[in-house]
Amino acid sequence: MNRTGILIALMLGCLPLGARASMVDPTSIPDGTYTVKVERVVDAKHLQVVMDNGNEATLVAGRATVDFSKVQANDQLKLSLIKGTVMVYADLTSH
């Protein structure tokens, strides 16, 4: 195999790594209100989301009244985080 072939193979092998967003610890996210896109609903108390800055996080419901069972993948949510947990959210997507 020539050098060009090896270089192309290395670049193609690295594409998925560069395209992935970084996963962040929710407790490192400052308290506040955020708009996020839902990647996946893990269960009624856990969501995997993409933040506006491209980072991914798995968020946990911070109260017994917070329930993600009606949320769907690709929904746009506005939520309030306190110490990395979701205290309240609003689904901005019309179903």
PDB file of N, CA and C in Angstrom:
ATOM      1  N   MET A   1       0.850  -1.174   0.000  1.00  0.00           N
ATOM      2  CA  MET A   1       0.000   0.000   0.000  1.00  0.00           C
ATOM      3  C   MET A   1       0.901   1.244   0.000  1.00  0.00           C
ATOM      4  N   ASN A   2       0.570   2.203  -0.799  1.00  0.00           N
ATOM      5  CA  ASN A   2       1.393   3.409  -0.862  1.00  0.00           C
ATOM      6  C   ASN A   2       1.025   4.396   0.252  1.00  0.00           C
ATOM      7  N   ARG A   3       1.818   5.447   0.366  1.00  0.00           N
ATOM      8  CA  ARG A   3       1.600   6.431   1.431  1.00  0.00           C
ATOM      9  C   ARG A   3       0.245   7.115   1.323  1.00  0.00           C
ATOM     10  N   THR A   4      -0.178   7.423   0.119  1.00  0.00           N
ATOM     11  CA  THR A   4      -1.465   8.102  -0.070  1.00  0.00           C
ATOM     12  C   THR A   4      -2.614   7.221   0.432  1.00  0.00           C
ATOM     13  N   GLY A   5      -2.566   5.938   0.115  1.00  0.00           N
ATOM     14  CA  GLY A   5      -3.605   5.010   0.568  1.00  0.00           C
ATOM     15  C   GLY A   5      -3.660   4.912   2.077  1.00  0.00           C
ATOM     16  N   ILE A   6      -2.501   4.877   2.715  1.00  0.00           N
ATOM     17  CA  ILE A   6      -2.443   4.804   4.180  1.00  0.00           C
ATOM     18  C   ILE A   6      -2.986   6.092   4.791  1.00  0.00           C
ATOM     19  N   LEU A   7      -2.611   7.222   4.212  1.00  0.00           N
ATOM     20  CA  LEU A   7      -3.086   8.506   4.721  1.00  0.00           C
ATOM     21  C   LEU A   7      -4.604   8.624   4.607  1.00  0.00           C
ATOM     22  N   ILE A   8      -5.152   8.214   3.485  1.00  0.00           N
ATOM     23  CA  ILE A   8      -6.608   8.258   3.298  1.00  0.00           C
ATOM     24  C   ILE A   8      -7.300   7.324   4.282  1.00  0.00           C
ATOM     25  N   ALA A   9      -6.765   6.133   4.477  1.00  0.00           N
ATOM     26  CA  ALA A   9      -7.357   5.188   5.423  1.00  0.00           C
ATOM     27  C   ALA A   9      -7.341   5.744   6.843  1.00  0.00           C
ATOM     28  N   LEU A  10      -6.250   6.394   7.228  1.00  0.00           N
ATOM     29  CA  LEU A  10      -6.176   6.998   8.560  1.00  0.00           C
ATOM     30  C   LEU A  10      -7.178   8.130   8.724  1.00  0.00           C
ATOM     31  N   MET A  11      -7.313   8.970   7.702  1.00  0.00           N
ATOM     32  CA  MET A  11      -8.268  10.086   7.780  1.00  0.00           C
ATOM     33  C   MET A  11      -9.699   9.574   7.857  1.00  0.00           C
ATOM     34  N   LEU A  12     -10.046   8.567   7.085  1.00  0.00           N
ATOM     35  CA  LEU A  12     -11.398   8.022   7.121  1.00  0.00           C
ATOM     36  C   LEU A  12     -11.688   7.346   8.455  1.00  0.00           C
ATOM     37  N   GLY A  13     -10.690   6.723   9.021  1.00  0.00           N
ATOM     38  CA  GLY A  13     -10.863   6.080  10.321  1.00  0.00           C
ATOM     39  C   GLY A  13     -11.080   7.075  11.444  1.00  0.00           C
ATOM     40  N   CYS A  14     -10.599   8.285  11.293  1.00  0.00           N
ATOM     41  CA  CYS A  14     -10.726   9.305  12.336  1.00  0.00           C
ATOM     42  C   CYS A  14     -12.006  10.124  12.218  1.00  0.00           C
ATOM     43  N   LEU A  15     -12.691  10.048  11.124  1.00  0.00           N
ATOM     44  CA  LEU A  15     -13.899  10.862  10.935  1.00  0.00           C
ATOM     45  C   LEU A  15     -14.940  10.674  12.028  1.00  0.00           C
ATOM     46  N   PRO A  16     -15.310   9.467  12.393  1.00  0.00           N
ATOM     47  CA  PRO A  16     -16.339   9.342  13.436  1.00  0.00           C
ATOM     48  C   PRO A  16     -15.913   9.964  14.756  1.00  0.00           C
ATOM     49  N   LEU A  17     -14.631   9.922  15.088  1.00  0.00           N
ATOM     50  CA  LEU A  17     -14.171  10.515  16.337  1.00  0.00           C
ATOM     51  C   LEU A  17     -14.309  12.027  16.319  1.00  0.00           C
ATOM     52  N   GLY A  18     -13.979  12.653  15.218  1.00  0.00           N
ATOM     53  CA  GLY A  18     -14.076  14.102  15.121  1.00  0.00           C
ATOM     54  C   GLY A  18     -15.508  14.586  15.021  1.00  0.00           C
ATOM     55  N   ALA A  19     -16.403  13.764  14.509  1.00  0.00           N
ATOM     56  CA  ALA A  19     -17.786  14.174  14.309  1.00  0.00           C
ATOM     57  C   ALA A  19     -18.605  14.062  15.589  1.00  0.00           C
ATOM     58  N   ARG A  20     -18.123  13.301  16.558  1.00  0.00           N
ATOM     59  CA  ARG A  20     -18.873  13.102  17.788  1.00  0.00           C
ATOM     60  C   ARG A  20     -18.744  14.302  18.712  1.00  0.00           C
ATOM     61  N   ALA A  21     -19.824  14.659  19.359  1.00  0.00           N
ATOM     62  CA  ALA A  21     -19.783  15.729  20.348  1.00  0.00           C
ATOM     63  C   ALA A  21     -19.233  15.161  21.651  1.00  0.00           C
ATOM     64  N   SER A  22     -18.735  16.020  22.504  1.00  0.00           N
ATOM     65  CA  SER A  22     -18.181  15.535  23.763  1.00  0.00           C
ATOM     66  C   SER A  22     -19.288  15.387  24.799  1.00  0.00           C
ATOM     67  N   MET A  23     -19.204  14.313  25.567  1.00  0.00           N
ATOM     68  CA  MET A  23     -20.164  14.048  26.641  1.00  0.00           C
ATOM     69  C   MET A  23     -19.690  14.794  27.877  1.00  0.00           C
ATOM     70  N   VAL A  24     -20.570  15.557  28.490  1.00  0.00           N
ATOM     71  CA  VAL A  24     -20.205  16.328  29.677  1.00  0.00           C
ATOM     72  C   VAL A  24     -20.971  15.817  30.890  1.00  0.00           C
ATOM     73  N   ASP A  25     -20.366  16.007  32.037  1.00  0.00           N
ATOM     74  CA  ASP A  25     -21.000  15.668  33.303  1.00  0.00           C
ATOM     75  C   ASP A  25     -22.036  16.749  33.604  1.00  0.00           C
ATOM     76  N   PRO A  26     -23.292  16.384  33.800  1.00  0.00           N
ATOM     77  CA  PRO A  26     -24.330  17.407  34.034  1.00  0.00           C
ATOM     78  C   PRO A  26     -24.045  18.308  35.235  1.00  0.00           C
ATOM     79  N   THR A  27     -23.341  17.793  36.238  1.00  0.00           N
ATOM     80  CA  THR A  27     -23.055  18.636  37.405  1.00  0.00           C
ATOM     81  C   THR A  27     -22.051  19.738  37.082  1.00  0.00           C
ATOM     82  N   SER A  28     -21.348  19.622  35.954  1.00  0.00           N
ATOM     83  CA  SER A  28     -20.406  20.672  35.558  1.00  0.00           C
ATOM     84  C   SER A  28     -21.084  21.782  34.749  1.00  0.00           C
ATOM     85  N   ILE A  29     -22.353  21.593  34.397  1.00  0.00           N
ATOM     86  CA  ILE A  29     -23.105  22.614  33.658  1.00  0.00           C
ATOM     87  C   ILE A  29     -23.620  23.645  34.662  1.00  0.00           C
ATOM     88  N   PRO A  30     -23.347  24.915  34.442  1.00  0.00           N
ATOM     89  CA  PRO A  30     -23.826  25.934  35.385  1.00  0.00           C
ATOM     90  C   PRO A  30     -25.354  25.937  35.488  1.00  0.00           C
ATOM     91  N   ASP A  31     -25.852  26.228  36.686  1.00  0.00           N
ATOM     92  CA  ASP A  31     -27.296  26.348  36.890  1.00  0.00           C
ATOM     93  C   ASP A  31     -27.851  27.392  35.936  1.00  0.00           C
ATOM     94  N   GLY A  32     -29.023  27.106  35.369  1.00  0.00           N
ATOM     95  CA  GLY A  32     -29.634  28.066  34.465  1.00  0.00           C
ATOM     96  C   GLY A  32     -30.663  27.411  33.574  1.00  0.00           C
ATOM     97  N   THR A  33     -31.146  28.185  32.618  1.00  0.00           N
ATOM     98  CA  THR A  33     -32.150  27.724  31.668  1.00  0.00           C
ATOM     99  C   THR A  33     -31.475  27.475  30.327  1.00  0.00           C
ATOM    100  N   TYR A  34     -31.764  26.325  29.717  1.00  0.00           N
ATOM    101  CA  TYR A  34     -31.118  25.913  28.472  1.00  0.00           C
ATOM    102  C   TYR A  34     -32.153  25.382  27.488  1.00  0.00           C
ATOM    103  N   THR A  35     -31.861  25.542  26.204  1.00  0.00           N
ATOM    104  CA  THR A  35     -32.641  24.906  25.146  1.00  0.00           C
ATOM    105  C   THR A  35     -31.801  23.745  24.639  1.00  0.00           C
ATOM    106  N   VAL A  36     -32.394  22.556  24.603  1.00  0.00           N
ATOM    107  CA  VAL A  36     -31.671  21.351  24.210  1.00  0.00           C
ATOM    108  C   VAL A  36     -32.476  20.568  23.185  1.00  0.00           C
ATOM    109  N   LYS A  37     -31.797  19.693  22.470  1.00  0.00           N
ATOM    110  CA  LYS A  37     -32.450  18.770  21.549  1.00  0.00           C
ATOM    111  C   LYS A  37     -32.319  17.369  22.131  1.00  0.00           C
ATOM    112  N   VAL A  38     -33.414  16.650  22.196  1.00  0.00           N
ATOM    113  CA  VAL A  38     -33.417  15.303  22.759  1.00  0.00           C
ATOM    114  C   VAL A  38     -32.850  14.324  21.740  1.00  0.00           C
ATOM    115  N   GLU A  39     -31.823  13.600  22.143  1.00  0.00           N
ATOM    116  CA  GLU A  39     -31.285  12.527  21.310  1.00  0.00           C
ATOM    117  C   GLU A  39     -32.027  11.227  21.578  1.00  0.00           C
ATOM    118  N   ARG A  40     -32.267  10.982  22.882  1.00  0.00           N
ATOM    119  CA  ARG A  40     -32.877   9.711  23.254  1.00  0.00           C
ATOM    120  C   ARG A  40     -33.498   9.831  24.632  1.00  0.00           C
ATOM    121  N   VAL A  41     -34.655   9.215  24.798  1.00  0.00           N
ATOM    122  CA  VAL A  41     -35.288   9.124  26.112  1.00  0.00           C
ATOM    123  C   VAL A  41     -34.866   7.776  26.696  1.00  0.00           C
ATOM    124  N   VAL A  42     -34.074   7.813  27.755  1.00  0.00           N
ATOM    125  CA  VAL A  42     -33.593   6.579  28.380  1.00  0.00           C
ATOM    126  C   VAL A  42     -34.730   5.917  29.144  1.00  0.00           C
ATOM    127  N   ASP A  43     -35.389   6.685  29.989  1.00  0.00           N
ATOM    128  CA  ASP A  43     -36.585   6.250  30.717  1.00  0.00           C
ATOM    129  C   ASP A  43     -37.311   7.508  31.179  1.00  0.00           C
ATOM    130  N   ALA A  44     -38.321   7.359  32.003  1.00  0.00           N
ATOM    131  CA  ALA A  44     -39.138   8.502  32.412  1.00  0.00           C
ATOM    132  C   ALA A  44     -38.369   9.533  33.244  1.00  0.00           C
ATOM    133  N   LYS A  45     -37.190   9.181  33.742  1.00  0.00           N
ATOM    134  CA  LYS A  45     -36.411  10.080  34.598  1.00  0.00           C
ATOM    135  C   LYS A  45     -35.051  10.459  34.016  1.00  0.00           C
ATOM    136  N   HIS A  46     -34.704   9.960  32.806  1.00  0.00           N
ATOM    137  CA  HIS A  46     -33.393  10.236  32.203  1.00  0.00           C
ATOM    138  C   HIS A  46     -33.520  10.557  30.721  1.00  0.00           C
ATOM    139  N   LEU A  47     -32.804  11.604  30.291  1.00  0.00           N
ATOM    140  CA  LEU A  47     -32.773  12.020  28.884  1.00  0.00           C
ATOM    141  C   LEU A  47     -31.338  12.166  28.418  1.00  0.00           C
ATOM    142  N   GLN A  48     -31.081  11.762  27.195  1.00  0.00           N
ATOM    143  CA  GLN A  48     -29.797  12.067  26.573  1.00  0.00           C
ATOM    144  C   GLN A  48     -30.059  13.209  25.600  1.00  0.00           C
ATOM    145  N   VAL A  49     -29.334  14.326  25.775  1.00  0.00           N
ATOM    146  CA  VAL A  49     -29.601  15.541  25.008  1.00  0.00           C
ATOM    147  C   VAL A  49     -28.323  16.094  24.387  1.00  0.00           C
ATOM    148  N   VAL A  50     -28.527  16.985  23.408  1.00  0.00           N
ATOM    149  CA  VAL A  50     -27.436  17.775  22.838  1.00  0.00           C
ATOM    150  C   VAL A  50     -27.722  19.226  23.209  1.00  0.00           C
ATOM    151  N   MET A  51     -26.733  19.856  23.835  1.00  0.00           N
ATOM    152  CA  MET A  51     -26.866  21.254  24.231  1.00  0.00           C
ATOM    153  C   MET A  51     -26.648  22.143  23.004  1.00  0.00           C
ATOM    154  N   ASP A  52     -26.989  23.413  23.111  1.00  0.00           N
ATOM    155  CA  ASP A  52     -26.795  24.362  22.011  1.00  0.00           C
ATOM    156  C   ASP A  52     -25.336  24.475  21.569  1.00  0.00           C
ATOM    157  N   ASN A  53     -24.403  24.249  22.493  1.00  0.00           N
ATOM    158  CA  ASN A  53     -22.978  24.355  22.158  1.00  0.00           C
ATOM    159  C   ASN A  53     -22.427  23.060  21.557  1.00  0.00           C
ATOM    160  N   GLY A  54     -23.287  22.045  21.356  1.00  0.00           N
ATOM    161  CA  GLY A  54     -22.870  20.800  20.736  1.00  0.00           C
ATOM    162  C   GLY A  54     -22.489  19.702  21.707  1.00  0.00           C
ATOM    163  N   ASN A  55     -22.364  20.012  22.985  1.00  0.00           N
ATOM    164  CA  ASN A  55     -22.036  18.996  23.980  1.00  0.00           C
ATOM    165  C   ASN A  55     -23.233  18.101  24.264  1.00  0.00           C
ATOM    166  N   GLU A  56     -22.945  16.838  24.563  1.00  0.00           N
ATOM    167  CA  GLU A  56     -23.983  15.883  24.921  1.00  0.00           C
ATOM    168  C   GLU A  56     -23.978  15.685  26.431  1.00  0.00           C
ATOM    169  N   ALA A  57     -25.163  15.415  26.980  1.00  0.00           N
ATOM    170  CA  ALA A  57     -25.271  15.133  28.406  1.00  0.00           C
ATOM    171  C   ALA A  57     -26.460  14.216  28.637  1.00  0.00           C
ATOM    172  N   THR A  58     -26.351  13.407  29.667  1.00  0.00           N
ATOM    173  CA  THR A  58     -27.493  12.610  30.113  1.00  0.00           C
ATOM    174  C   THR A  58     -28.032  13.302  31.352  1.00  0.00           C
ATOM    175  N   LEU A  59     -29.251  13.798  31.249  1.00  0.00           N
ATOM    176  CA  LEU A  59     -29.844  14.584  32.328  1.00  0.00           C
ATOM    177  C   LEU A  59     -30.829  13.738  33.128  1.00  0.00           C
ATOM    178  N   VAL A  60     -30.918  14.048  34.415  1.00  0.00           N
ATOM    179  CA  VAL A  60     -31.771  13.320  35.344  1.00  0.00           C
ATOM    180  C   VAL A  60     -32.845  14.267  35.865  1.00  0.00           C
ATOM    181  N   ALA A  61     -34.054  13.736  36.041  1.00  0.00           N
ATOM    182  CA  ALA A  61     -35.134  14.521  36.636  1.00  0.00           C
ATOM    183  C   ALA A  61     -34.765  14.846  38.073  1.00  0.00           C
ATOM    184  N   GLY A  62     -34.931  16.101  38.460  1.00  0.00           N
ATOM    185  CA  GLY A  62     -34.554  16.538  39.800  1.00  0.00           C
ATOM    186  C   GLY A  62     -35.684  16.511  40.802  1.00  0.00           C
ATOM    187  N   ARG A  63     -36.880  16.237  40.330  1.00  0.00           N
ATOM    188  CA  ARG A  63     -38.060  16.182  41.208  1.00  0.00           C
ATOM    189  C   ARG A  63     -38.931  15.010  40.805  1.00  0.00           C
ATOM    190  N   ALA A  64     -39.753  14.559  41.716  1.00  0.00           N
ATOM    191  CA  ALA A  64     -40.667  13.453  41.421  1.00  0.00           C
ATOM    192  C   ALA A  64     -41.710  13.858  40.380  1.00  0.00           C
ATOM    193  N   THR A  65     -41.998  15.153  40.282  1.00  0.00           N
ATOM    194  CA  THR A  65     -43.018  15.624  39.344  1.00  0.00           C
ATOM    195  C   THR A  65     -42.492  15.775  37.916  1.00  0.00           C
ATOM    196  N   VAL A  66     -41.185  15.707  37.733  1.00  0.00           N
ATOM    197  CA  VAL A  66     -40.599  15.814  36.387  1.00  0.00           C
ATOM    198  C   VAL A  66     -40.609  14.430  35.752  1.00  0.00           C
ATOM    199  N   ASP A  67     -41.323  14.314  34.632  1.00  0.00           N
ATOM    200  CA  ASP A  67     -41.515  13.031  33.960  1.00  0.00           C
ATOM    201  C   ASP A  67     -41.279  13.213  32.463  1.00  0.00           C
ATOM    202  N   PHE A  68     -40.340  12.454  31.913  1.00  0.00           N
ATOM    203  CA  PHE A  68     -39.984  12.570  30.501  1.00  0.00           C
ATOM    204  C   PHE A  68     -40.703  11.550  29.618  1.00  0.00           C
ATOM    205  N   SER A  69     -41.710  10.879  30.117  1.00  0.00           N
ATOM    206  CA  SER A  69     -42.345   9.792  29.359  1.00  0.00           C
ATOM    207  C   SER A  69     -43.055  10.279  28.086  1.00  0.00           C
ATOM    208  N   LYS A  70     -43.432  11.544  28.020  1.00  0.00           N
ATOM    209  CA  LYS A  70     -44.103  12.059  26.820  1.00  0.00           C
ATOM    210  C   LYS A  70     -43.145  12.741  25.848  1.00  0.00           C
ATOM    211  N   VAL A  71     -41.883  12.825  26.224  1.00  0.00           N
ATOM    212  CA  VAL A  71     -40.864  13.437  25.375  1.00  0.00           C
ATOM    213  C   VAL A  71     -40.411  12.405  24.340  1.00  0.00           C
ATOM    214  N   GLN A  72     -40.113  12.889  23.134  1.00  0.00           N
ATOM    215  CA  GLN A  72     -39.661  12.013  22.053  1.00  0.00           C
ATOM    216  C   GLN A  72     -38.305  12.479  21.537  1.00  0.00           C
ATOM    217  N   ALA A  73     -37.599  11.563  20.871  1.00  0.00           N
ATOM    218  CA  ALA A  73     -36.330  11.915  20.239  1.00  0.00           C
ATOM    219  C   ALA A  73     -36.566  13.057  19.252  1.00  0.00           C
ATOM    220  N   ASN A  74     -35.621  13.952  19.152  1.00  0.00           N
ATOM    221  CA  ASN A  74     -35.638  15.129  18.282  1.00  0.00           C
ATOM    222  C   ASN A  74     -36.522  16.259  18.794  1.00  0.00           C
ATOM    223  N   ASP A  75     -37.161  16.107  19.942  1.00  0.00           N
ATOM    224  CA  ASP A  75     -37.924  17.206  20.533  1.00  0.00           C
ATOM    225  C   ASP A  75     -36.962  18.305  20.988  1.00  0.00           C
ATOM    226  N   GLN A  76     -37.434  19.526  20.953  1.00  0.00           N
ATOM    227  CA  GLN A  76     -36.694  20.680  21.440  1.00  0.00           C
ATOM    228  C   GLN A  76     -37.288  21.026  22.801  1.00  0.00           C
ATOM    229  N   LEU A  77     -36.453  21.064  23.842  1.00  0.00           N
ATOM    230  CA  LEU A  77     -36.924  21.363  25.186  1.00  0.00           C
ATOM    231  C   LEU A  77     -36.249  22.609  25.726  1.00  0.00           C
ATOM    232  N   LYS A  78     -36.972  23.353  26.533  1.00  0.00           N
ATOM    233  CA  LYS A  78     -36.398  24.436  27.326  1.00  0.00           C
ATOM    234  C   LYS A  78     -36.477  23.933  28.759  1.00  0.00           C
ATOM    235  N   LEU A  79     -35.341  23.885  29.433  1.00  0.00           N
ATOM    236  CA  LEU A  79     -35.327  23.309  30.780  1.00  0.00           C
ATOM    237  C   LEU A  79     -34.458  24.114  31.718  1.00  0.00           C
ATOM    238  N   SER A  80     -34.739  23.960  32.997  1.00  0.00           N
ATOM    239  CA  SER A  80     -33.951  24.613  34.037  1.00  0.00           C
ATOM    240  C   SER A  80     -33.157  23.550  34.784  1.00  0.00           C
ATOM    241  N   LEU A  81     -31.844  23.769  34.834  1.00  0.00           N
ATOM    242  CA  LEU A  81     -30.954  22.857  35.545  1.00  0.00           C
ATOM    243  C   LEU A  81     -30.504  23.486  36.852  1.00  0.00           C
ATOM    244  N   ILE A  82     -30.536  22.701  37.906  1.00  0.00           N
ATOM    245  CA  ILE A  82     -29.956  23.086  39.184  1.00  0.00           C
ATOM    246  C   ILE A  82     -29.133  21.904  39.662  1.00  0.00           C
ATOM    247  N   LYS A  83     -27.840  22.134  39.866  1.00  0.00           N
ATOM    248  CA  LYS A  83     -26.889  21.099  40.267  1.00  0.00           C
ATOM    249  C   LYS A  83     -26.948  19.885  39.338  1.00  0.00           C
ATOM    250  N   GLY A  84     -27.132  20.142  38.052  1.00  0.00           N
ATOM    251  CA  GLY A  84     -27.095  19.078  37.058  1.00  0.00           C
ATOM    252  C   GLY A  84     -28.365  18.284  36.890  1.00  0.00           C
ATOM    253  N   THR A  85     -29.427  18.658  37.598  1.00  0.00           N
ATOM    254  CA  THR A  85     -30.699  17.944  37.463  1.00  0.00           C
ATOM    255  C   THR A  85     -31.775  18.874  36.904  1.00  0.00           C
ATOM    256  N   VAL A  86     -32.729  18.291  36.210  1.00  0.00           N
ATOM    257  CA  VAL A  86     -33.809  19.055  35.580  1.00  0.00           C
ATOM    258  C   VAL A  86     -34.906  19.298  36.613  1.00  0.00           C
ATOM    259  N   MET A  87     -35.143  20.562  36.904  1.00  0.00           N
ATOM    260  CA  MET A  87     -36.183  20.913  37.872  1.00  0.00           C
ATOM    261  C   MET A  87     -37.531  21.158  37.199  1.00  0.00           C
ATOM    262  N   VAL A  88     -37.500  21.695  35.968  1.00  0.00           N
ATOM    263  CA  VAL A  88     -38.716  21.958  35.220  1.00  0.00           C
ATOM    264  C   VAL A  88     -38.335  22.029  33.739  1.00  0.00           C
ATOM    265  N   TYR A  89     -39.263  21.630  32.866  1.00  0.00           N
ATOM    266  CA  TYR A  89     -38.997  21.724  31.436  1.00  0.00           C
ATOM    267  C   TYR A  89     -40.286  22.021  30.689  1.00  0.00           C
ATOM    268  N   ALA A  90     -40.122  22.542  29.475  1.00  0.00           N
ATOM    269  CA  ALA A  90     -41.244  22.769  28.555  1.00  0.00           C
ATOM    270  C   ALA A  90     -40.850  22.210  27.197  1.00  0.00           C
ATOM    271  N   ASP A  91     -41.731  21.439  26.599  1.00  0.00           N
ATOM    272  CA  ASP A  91     -41.494  20.887  25.265  1.00  0.00           C
ATOM    273  C   ASP A  91     -41.888  21.952  24.256  1.00  0.00           C
ATOM    274  N   LEU A  92     -40.928  22.407  23.460  1.00  0.00           N
ATOM    275  CA  LEU A  92     -41.169  23.459  22.464  1.00  0.00           C
ATOM    276  C   LEU A  92     -41.634  22.895  21.129  1.00  0.00           C
ATOM    277  N   THR A  93     -41.629  21.568  20.991  1.00  0.00           N
ATOM    278  CA  THR A  93     -42.010  20.914  19.746  1.00  0.00           C
ATOM    279  C   THR A  93     -43.516  20.667  19.737  1.00  0.00           C
ATOM    280  N   SER A  94     -44.164  21.032  18.640  1.00  0.00           N
ATOM    281  CA  SER A  94     -45.594  20.727  18.532  1.00  0.00           C
ATOM    282  C   SER A  94     -45.743  19.337  17.919  1.00  0.00           C
ATOM    283  N   HIS A  95     -46.558  18.512  18.545  1.00  0.00           N
ATOM    284  CA  HIS A  95     -46.732  17.137  18.082  1.00  0.00           C
ATOM    285  C   HIS A  95     -48.020  16.986  17.327  1.00  0.00           C
TER     286      HIS A  95
END
